[in-house]
Protein backbone atom coordinates (compact mmCIF):
# COMPACT_ATOMS: atom_id res chain seq x y z
CA MET A 1 0.01 -0.01 0.00
CA LEU A 2 2.89 2.32 0.54
CA ASP A 3 3.66 2.02 -3.15
CA ILE A 4 0.28 3.58 -3.79
CA ILE A 5 1.20 6.62 -1.61
CA ASN A 6 4.52 7.04 -3.39
CA PHE A 7 2.88 6.88 -6.80
CA MET A 8 0.20 9.45 -5.77
CA GLU A 9 2.79 11.84 -4.38
CA SER A 10 5.01 11.64 -7.46
CA SER A 11 2.14 11.86 -9.97
CA TYR A 12 0.02 14.55 -8.36
CA LYS A 13 2.33 16.62 -6.21
CA ASP A 14 2.07 19.69 -8.48
CA ASN A 15 -1.68 19.77 -8.42
CA PRO A 16 -2.78 22.04 -5.55
CA GLU A 17 -6.48 21.15 -6.04
CA LEU A 18 -5.77 17.53 -5.07
CA LYS A 19 -3.57 18.27 -2.05
CA HIS A 20 -6.26 17.82 0.64
CA LYS A 21 -7.85 14.82 -1.10
CA LEU A 22 -4.47 13.13 -1.37
CA GLU A 23 -3.79 13.76 2.32
CA LEU A 24 -7.05 11.99 3.17
CA VAL A 25 -6.24 9.06 0.92
CA LYS A 26 -2.73 8.79 2.36
CA LYS A 27 -4.10 8.69 5.93
CA LEU A 28 -6.68 6.00 4.96
CA ILE A 29 -4.02 3.91 3.26
CA THR A 30 -1.71 4.26 6.23
CA TYR A 31 -4.48 3.19 8.57
CA LEU A 32 -5.39 0.23 6.45
CA SER A 33 -1.79 -0.93 6.17
CA GLU A 34 -1.46 -0.82 10.00
CA HIS A 35 -4.76 -2.46 10.95
CA ASP A 36 -6.60 -5.60 9.98
CA ILE A 37 -9.96 -4.61 8.54
CA GLU A 38 -12.39 -7.49 8.41
CA ARG A 39 -15.49 -5.67 7.27
CA SER A 40 -16.28 -3.51 4.24
CA VAL A 41 -17.10 0.13 4.22
CA GLY A 42 -20.78 0.90 4.85
CA GLU A 43 -21.13 4.64 4.28
CA ILE A 44 -19.08 7.78 4.30
CA ILE A 45 -21.25 10.32 6.12
CA PRO A 46 -20.48 14.07 5.93
CA ILE A 47 -21.08 16.27 8.97
CA LEU A 48 -23.18 19.10 7.56
CA GLY A 49 -23.74 22.56 8.99
CA ASN A 50 -26.69 22.90 11.37
CA ASN A 51 -27.07 26.66 11.67
CA THR A 52 -26.63 26.67 15.43
CA GLY A 53 -23.51 28.77 15.61
CA TYR A 54 -20.28 27.06 16.55
CA SER A 55 -21.62 23.71 17.78
CA GLU A 56 -19.80 20.38 17.94
CA TYR A 57 -21.08 16.92 17.51
CA ARG A 58 -20.14 14.27 20.07
CA ILE A 59 -20.01 10.53 19.89
CA ILE A 60 -21.99 9.10 22.82
CA ASN A 61 -22.21 5.55 24.16
CA ASP A 62 -25.80 5.22 25.37
CA CYS A 63 -24.94 2.22 27.56
CA GLU A 64 -28.11 0.57 26.37
CA SER A 65 -30.19 3.17 28.22
CA ASP A 66 -32.53 6.02 27.19
CA ASN A 67 -31.37 7.94 30.27
CA PRO A 68 -28.83 10.56 29.25
CA ALA A 69 -27.42 10.59 32.82
CA LEU A 70 -26.06 7.13 32.12
CA TRP A 71 -24.45 7.94 28.79
CA SER A 72 -20.68 8.41 28.32
CA GLU A 73 -18.78 10.29 25.74
CA TYR A 74 -16.49 8.27 23.50
CA GLN A 75 -12.75 8.85 23.94
CA TYR A 76 -9.92 7.95 21.58
CA ASN A 77 -6.29 8.03 22.93
CA GLY A 78 -7.63 9.59 26.08
CA GLU A 79 -9.35 12.53 24.36
CA LYS A 80 -13.04 13.08 23.63
CA VAL A 81 -13.88 12.96 19.97
CA ARG A 82 -15.58 16.15 18.69
CA LEU A 83 -16.87 16.44 15.15
CA ASN A 84 -17.45 19.69 13.28
CA THR A 85 -19.00 20.79 9.97
CA GLY A 86 -16.85 19.40 7.16
CA ASP A 87 -15.76 16.31 9.06
CA ILE A 88 -16.65 12.85 7.79
CA VAL A 89 -17.53 9.59 9.56
CA ILE A 90 -16.80 6.24 7.87
CA THR A 91 -19.01 3.40 8.97
CA MET A 92 -18.17 -0.24 8.49
CA LYS A 93 -20.68 -2.99 7.50
CA LYS A 94 -21.26 -5.64 10.14
């Protein structure tokens, strides 16, 4: 997979329009090469603006309860995950 990254960088490095897209693809390829993925991609979901000012989305574990007092916020590497307009979420099929 690292060959793919090298090819992309050498072929498209002078195209500023592709810079951010290539960075995303590189991170995905790096992640895939470092982890075993046993499921296929379900959806790529964009986080759209919600016209509520500067709000953040949070990932919550509902702990199988409808009571928000029992819910806990998801953390990755010890930090809470906050999503904003323009972020994407990739779901995997079960």
